[in-house]
Amino acid sequence: MLITFKSAAGADVIMLGKAAQSMFVALGKDPDSPTGIVTVEQLPEAIARLKQAIAADKAARARDADDAADDEDAPRGMAAPVSFAQRAWPLLDLLELAQKEGQPVVWGV
């Protein structure tokens, strides 16, 4: 399932369902709802929550990297999995643009 985050303020951000659901949780939205909106009034909190989730993911990955530093079989480079933080940046950019323009962000519509 593809989820497309849309706003008149910027380009669409497309994610697969599982990645999008983790974004919904970070934004404080229902991960099982097929449609949704981050209103203009909700944008500052949504941006703060997403930044906090990105920081938490980076900290967790740094701890994991320290633990796996000696593991020669650990995937590296292009073989390493894409992190939550990497997936969240395009959505964060869209949310910040939407806030500047005073536009909501919607999905599933």
N, C-alpha and C. Protein backbone atom coordinates (compact mmCIF):
# COMPACT_ATOMS: atom_id res chain seq x y z
N MET A 1 0.84 -1.16 0.00
CA MET A 1 0.00 0.00 0.00
C MET A 1 0.89 1.24 0.00
N LEU A 2 0.60 2.16 -0.87
CA LEU A 2 1.32 3.43 -0.95
C LEU A 2 0.52 4.52 -0.26
N ILE A 3 1.23 5.37 0.47
CA ILE A 3 0.63 6.54 1.09
C ILE A 3 1.30 7.76 0.48
N THR A 4 0.49 8.73 0.06
CA THR A 4 1.02 9.96 -0.51
C THR A 4 0.65 11.12 0.39
N PHE A 5 1.66 11.77 0.94
CA PHE A 5 1.47 12.97 1.73
C PHE A 5 1.44 14.14 0.76
N LYS A 6 0.39 14.97 0.86
CA LYS A 6 0.22 16.06 -0.10
C LYS A 6 0.02 17.39 0.62
N SER A 7 0.54 18.45 0.00
CA SER A 7 0.31 19.80 0.47
C SER A 7 0.51 20.73 -0.72
N ALA A 8 -0.26 21.81 -0.72
CA ALA A 8 -0.09 22.81 -1.76
C ALA A 8 1.25 23.53 -1.63
N ALA A 9 1.92 23.35 -0.51
CA ALA A 9 3.18 24.04 -0.25
C ALA A 9 4.39 23.36 -0.89
N GLY A 10 4.28 22.08 -1.27
CA GLY A 10 5.45 21.39 -1.81
C GLY A 10 5.08 20.14 -2.56
N ALA A 11 6.12 19.44 -2.99
CA ALA A 11 5.94 18.21 -3.77
C ALA A 11 5.41 17.09 -2.88
N ASP A 12 4.69 16.16 -3.49
CA ASP A 12 4.16 15.00 -2.78
C ASP A 12 5.30 14.15 -2.23
N VAL A 13 5.05 13.52 -1.08
CA VAL A 13 5.99 12.57 -0.48
C VAL A 13 5.27 11.23 -0.47
N ILE A 14 5.86 10.25 -1.14
CA ILE A 14 5.25 8.93 -1.27
C ILE A 14 6.03 7.93 -0.44
N MET A 15 5.30 7.12 0.34
CA MET A 15 5.92 6.10 1.18
C MET A 15 5.11 4.81 1.10
N LEU A 16 5.81 3.71 1.32
CA LEU A 16 5.13 2.43 1.47
C LEU A 16 4.41 2.41 2.81
N GLY A 17 3.39 1.58 2.91
CA GLY A 17 2.52 1.56 4.07
C GLY A 17 3.21 1.44 5.41
N LYS A 18 4.17 0.51 5.56
CA LYS A 18 4.83 0.32 6.85
C LYS A 18 5.63 1.55 7.26
N ALA A 19 6.35 2.13 6.34
CA ALA A 19 7.12 3.33 6.65
C ALA A 19 6.18 4.48 7.00
N ALA A 20 5.10 4.61 6.25
CA ALA A 20 4.13 5.68 6.50
C ALA A 20 3.48 5.50 7.86
N GLN A 21 3.18 4.27 8.24
CA GLN A 21 2.55 4.03 9.54
C GLN A 21 3.47 4.47 10.68
N SER A 22 4.76 4.26 10.54
CA SER A 22 5.67 4.72 11.58
C SER A 22 5.71 6.24 11.63
N MET A 23 5.51 6.90 10.49
CA MET A 23 5.43 8.36 10.48
C MET A 23 4.15 8.83 11.18
N PHE A 24 3.04 8.12 10.93
CA PHE A 24 1.79 8.47 11.58
C PHE A 24 1.93 8.42 13.10
N VAL A 25 2.58 7.37 13.59
CA VAL A 25 2.78 7.22 15.03
C VAL A 25 3.62 8.40 15.56
N ALA A 26 4.69 8.73 14.84
CA ALA A 26 5.54 9.85 15.26
C ALA A 26 4.78 11.17 15.27
N LEU A 27 3.86 11.32 14.32
CA LEU A 27 3.07 12.56 14.24
C LEU A 27 1.90 12.58 15.22
N GLY A 28 1.65 11.45 15.88
CA GLY A 28 0.52 11.38 16.80
C GLY A 28 -0.80 11.14 16.10
N LYS A 29 -0.75 10.54 14.92
CA LYS A 29 -1.95 10.24 14.14
C LYS A 29 -2.25 8.74 14.17
N ASP A 30 -3.48 8.39 13.84
CA ASP A 30 -3.90 6.99 13.83
C ASP A 30 -3.21 6.25 12.68
N PRO A 31 -2.36 5.26 13.00
CA PRO A 31 -1.64 4.56 11.93
C PRO A 31 -2.52 3.67 11.06
N ASP A 32 -3.74 3.38 11.51
CA ASP A 32 -4.63 2.51 10.75
C ASP A 32 -5.64 3.27 9.90
N SER A 33 -5.65 4.59 10.01
CA SER A 33 -6.60 5.38 9.24
C SER A 33 -6.09 5.57 7.81
N PRO A 34 -6.90 5.29 6.79
CA PRO A 34 -6.44 5.44 5.41
C PRO A 34 -6.33 6.90 4.95
N THR A 35 -6.98 7.80 5.68
CA THR A 35 -6.91 9.22 5.34
C THR A 35 -6.57 10.03 6.58
N GLY A 36 -6.06 11.22 6.37
CA GLY A 36 -5.75 12.06 7.51
C GLY A 36 -5.29 13.43 7.09
N ILE A 37 -5.09 14.27 8.12
CA ILE A 37 -4.67 15.64 7.89
C ILE A 37 -3.85 16.13 9.06
N VAL A 38 -2.85 16.92 8.76
CA VAL A 38 -2.16 17.72 9.76
C VAL A 38 -2.56 19.15 9.43
N THR A 39 -3.42 19.71 10.28
CA THR A 39 -3.90 21.06 10.02
C THR A 39 -2.78 22.08 10.25
N VAL A 40 -3.01 23.28 9.79
CA VAL A 40 -2.03 24.35 9.97
C VAL A 40 -1.74 24.54 11.45
N GLU A 41 -2.77 24.46 12.27
CA GLU A 41 -2.60 24.62 13.71
C GLU A 41 -1.79 23.48 14.33
N GLN A 42 -1.86 22.29 13.76
CA GLN A 42 -1.16 21.12 14.28
C GLN A 42 0.29 21.01 13.78
N LEU A 43 0.65 21.79 12.79
CA LEU A 43 1.98 21.66 12.18
C LEU A 43 3.14 21.86 13.16
N PRO A 44 3.13 22.89 14.02
CA PRO A 44 4.27 23.04 14.93
C PRO A 44 4.50 21.81 15.83
N GLU A 45 3.44 21.26 16.37
CA GLU A 45 3.57 20.07 17.22
C GLU A 45 4.02 18.86 16.38
N ALA A 46 3.46 18.71 15.19
CA ALA A 46 3.83 17.58 14.33
C ALA A 46 5.31 17.65 13.95
N ILE A 47 5.79 18.84 13.64
CA ILE A 47 7.21 19.02 13.29
C ILE A 47 8.08 18.68 14.49
N ALA A 48 7.71 19.17 15.66
CA ALA A 48 8.49 18.89 16.87
C ALA A 48 8.51 17.39 17.17
N ARG A 49 7.37 16.73 17.05
CA ARG A 49 7.30 15.29 17.31
C ARG A 49 8.15 14.51 16.32
N LEU A 50 8.10 14.89 15.04
CA LEU A 50 8.88 14.17 14.03
C LEU A 50 10.38 14.39 14.26
N LYS A 51 10.77 15.61 14.61
CA LYS A 51 12.18 15.88 14.91
C LYS A 51 12.65 15.06 16.11
N GLN A 52 11.79 14.95 17.11
CA GLN A 52 12.13 14.15 18.29
C GLN A 52 12.29 12.68 17.92
N ALA A 53 11.41 12.16 17.07
CA ALA A 53 11.50 10.76 16.63
C ALA A 53 12.76 10.53 15.80
N ILE A 54 13.12 11.49 14.97
CA ILE A 54 14.35 11.40 14.17
C ILE A 54 15.56 11.35 15.09
N ALA A 55 15.60 12.22 16.08
CA ALA A 55 16.72 12.25 17.02
C ALA A 55 16.82 10.94 17.80
N ALA A 56 15.68 10.40 18.23
CA ALA A 56 15.67 9.13 18.96
C ALA A 56 16.18 8.00 18.07
N ASP A 57 15.77 7.99 16.80
CA ASP A 57 16.22 6.96 15.88
C ASP A 57 17.73 7.06 15.64
N LYS A 58 18.23 8.28 15.48
CA LYS A 58 19.67 8.45 15.28
C LYS A 58 20.46 7.99 16.49
N ALA A 59 19.96 8.28 17.68
CA ALA A 59 20.64 7.85 18.91
C ALA A 59 20.65 6.33 19.01
N ALA A 60 19.52 5.71 18.71
CA ALA A 60 19.44 4.24 18.76
C ALA A 60 20.37 3.61 17.74
N ARG A 61 20.42 4.19 16.55
CA ARG A 61 21.30 3.64 15.51
C ARG A 61 22.77 3.82 15.88
N ALA A 62 23.10 4.91 16.56
CA ALA A 62 24.48 5.13 16.99
C ALA A 62 24.88 4.07 18.03
N ARG A 63 23.96 3.76 18.97
CA ARG A 63 24.24 2.71 19.95
C ARG A 63 24.41 1.37 19.26
N ASP A 64 23.52 1.09 18.29
CA ASP A 64 23.61 -0.18 17.56
C ASP A 64 24.90 -0.26 16.75
N ALA A 65 25.32 0.87 16.19
CA ALA A 65 26.56 0.88 15.40
C ALA A 65 27.76 0.59 16.29
N ASP A 66 27.74 1.12 17.51
CA ASP A 66 28.83 0.83 18.44
C ASP A 66 28.87 -0.66 18.77
N ASP A 67 27.70 -1.26 18.95
CA ASP A 67 27.63 -2.68 19.27
C ASP A 67 28.06 -3.55 18.08
N ALA A 68 27.79 -3.10 16.87
CA ALA A 68 28.08 -3.89 15.67
C ALA A 68 29.41 -3.53 15.02
N ALA A 69 30.16 -2.63 15.64
CA ALA A 69 31.41 -2.17 15.03
C ALA A 69 32.38 -3.32 14.76
N ASP A 70 32.37 -4.30 15.63
CA ASP A 70 33.29 -5.44 15.45
C ASP A 70 32.70 -6.57 14.62
N ASP A 71 31.43 -6.45 14.25
CA ASP A 71 30.75 -7.51 13.49
C ASP A 71 31.04 -7.33 12.01
N GLU A 72 31.87 -8.20 11.48
CA GLU A 72 32.26 -8.11 10.06
C GLU A 72 31.12 -8.46 9.12
N ASP A 73 30.10 -9.18 9.61
CA ASP A 73 28.98 -9.60 8.77
C ASP A 73 27.84 -8.57 8.75
N ALA A 74 27.95 -7.51 9.52
CA ALA A 74 26.89 -6.50 9.56
C ALA A 74 26.80 -5.79 8.21
N PRO A 75 25.58 -5.57 7.71
CA PRO A 75 25.44 -4.89 6.42
C PRO A 75 25.96 -3.45 6.49
N ARG A 76 26.66 -3.06 5.45
CA ARG A 76 27.24 -1.71 5.40
C ARG A 76 26.93 -1.08 4.05
N GLY A 77 27.06 0.22 3.99
CA GLY A 77 26.86 0.94 2.74
C GLY A 77 25.47 0.75 2.18
N MET A 78 25.39 0.40 0.89
CA MET A 78 24.10 0.25 0.21
C MET A 78 23.31 -0.95 0.73
N ALA A 79 23.97 -1.89 1.39
CA ALA A 79 23.29 -3.08 1.92
C ALA A 79 22.62 -2.81 3.26
N ALA A 80 23.01 -1.72 3.92
CA ALA A 80 22.43 -1.39 5.23
C ALA A 80 20.97 -0.97 5.05
N PRO A 81 20.13 -1.31 6.02
CA PRO A 81 18.72 -0.92 5.90
C PRO A 81 18.55 0.60 5.99
N VAL A 82 17.49 1.10 5.37
CA VAL A 82 17.17 2.53 5.41
C VAL A 82 16.56 2.83 6.77
N SER A 83 17.07 3.85 7.43
CA SER A 83 16.62 4.17 8.78
C SER A 83 15.33 5.01 8.76
N PHE A 84 14.69 5.04 9.92
CA PHE A 84 13.52 5.89 10.09
C PHE A 84 13.88 7.34 9.78
N ALA A 85 15.02 7.79 10.30
CA ALA A 85 15.44 9.18 10.08
C ALA A 85 15.58 9.50 8.59
N GLN A 86 16.16 8.58 7.83
CA GLN A 86 16.32 8.81 6.40
C GLN A 86 14.96 8.89 5.70
N ARG A 87 14.04 8.06 6.12
CA ARG A 87 12.70 8.07 5.51
C ARG A 87 11.90 9.31 5.92
N ALA A 88 12.18 9.83 7.11
CA ALA A 88 11.39 10.94 7.65
C ALA A 88 11.77 12.31 7.08
N TRP A 89 13.00 12.47 6.61
CA TRP A 89 13.44 13.80 6.16
C TRP A 89 12.56 14.41 5.08
N PRO A 90 12.16 13.69 4.04
CA PRO A 90 11.29 14.33 3.04
C PRO A 90 9.95 14.80 3.63
N LEU A 91 9.39 14.02 4.55
CA LEU A 91 8.14 14.42 5.20
C LEU A 91 8.37 15.64 6.08
N LEU A 92 9.47 15.66 6.80
CA LEU A 92 9.79 16.82 7.64
C LEU A 92 9.92 18.07 6.78
N ASP A 93 10.59 17.96 5.65
CA ASP A 93 10.71 19.10 4.73
C ASP A 93 9.34 19.58 4.28
N LEU A 94 8.46 18.64 3.93
CA LEU A 94 7.11 19.01 3.49
C LEU A 94 6.35 19.70 4.62
N LEU A 95 6.44 19.18 5.83
CA LEU A 95 5.75 19.80 6.97
C LEU A 95 6.26 21.22 7.22
N GLU A 96 7.58 21.40 7.12
CA GLU A 96 8.14 22.74 7.34
C GLU A 96 7.73 23.71 6.24
N LEU A 97 7.70 23.24 4.99
CA LEU A 97 7.22 24.09 3.90
C LEU A 97 5.75 24.45 4.09
N ALA A 98 4.97 23.47 4.50
CA ALA A 98 3.54 23.70 4.73
C ALA A 98 3.33 24.73 5.83
N GLN A 99 4.16 24.67 6.86
CA GLN A 99 4.04 25.65 7.94
C GLN A 99 4.37 27.06 7.44
N LYS A 100 5.43 27.19 6.64
CA LYS A 100 5.80 28.50 6.09
C LYS A 100 4.69 29.08 5.22
N GLU A 101 4.05 28.19 4.44
CA GLU A 101 3.01 28.63 3.51
C GLU A 101 1.63 28.68 4.13
N GLY A 102 1.48 28.17 5.33
CA GLY A 102 0.16 28.13 5.97
C GLY A 102 -0.80 27.17 5.30
N GLN A 103 -0.28 26.00 4.89
CA GLN A 103 -1.06 25.00 4.20
C GLN A 103 -1.10 23.70 5.01
N PRO A 104 -2.20 22.96 4.99
CA PRO A 104 -2.24 21.66 5.69
C PRO A 104 -1.52 20.59 4.87
N VAL A 105 -1.25 19.48 5.53
CA VAL A 105 -0.70 18.28 4.86
C VAL A 105 -1.75 17.18 5.01
N VAL A 106 -2.09 16.54 3.89
CA VAL A 106 -3.12 15.50 3.90
C VAL A 106 -2.57 14.22 3.29
N TRP A 107 -3.27 13.11 3.52
CA TRP A 107 -2.94 11.83 2.87
C TRP A 107 -4.21 11.05 2.70
N GLY A 108 -4.21 10.20 1.68
CA GLY A 108 -5.34 9.33 1.41
C GLY A 108 -6.53 10.02 0.76
N VAL A 109 -6.33 11.21 0.25
CA VAL A 109 -7.43 11.93 -0.41
C VAL A 109 -7.08 12.22 -1.85
